Amino acid sequence: MMSVFANIEHTWLSVWVRESPSLLAFPFILYLHTLGLAMLAGVNVGLDIWLLSARDHVPAVRRGVYQVMWLGFGINAVSGLALLAAYPAKALTNWVFFTKLGLIAVAMWVLEVQKRELVAADRGGATVVNDRLRRLAMLSIALWGATVFAGRFLAYTHSILLASEGF
């Protein structure tokens, strides 16, 4: 498996992301990853807090909010693949990386369930906030918090940085 990681590390994309002095390489890709995180998790947590602070009714959530979150997910997916290409052995030999991916998958599922619940609770332009929506909001906040923690924890938990350097 290490030979596969070493081969990936020698591709032009991996070398460029990892070694280029250009601000458009690693720093910009990391910026995009953070921007996508803000668009996805930030907006989702904002929506969650809004739902938790609501008394009984809130204005209906517009479709554009979900489009922003899915755009953020797309930005994170593309930038995350570029970051993965730069250090495949670092991520793919770390259980924290797989935990982060699992947390993202569950958080995205919760987002979709929450969206369906909000549509179902829409009463002509206002949403009736029920206990299920509040529980989903609390779960969503916990999942995004854990995801961000896992993402930051990745920098400190790897045992292999580059497979091509004999780790």
Foldseek 3Di string as FASTA:
>chain_A
DLVVLQVLCPDPLLCCQQPPPDCVHVVVLVVLLVVLLCQALVLLLVVLVVLLPDDFKDFQDDPVSVVSNVVSVVSNVVSVVSVCSNFVLLQVVFVLNVVLVVLVVVLVVLVVVLNVQSVVQDDPGMGTRDPVNNVSSVSNNVSSVSNVVSVVCSVPGGPDGHSNVVD
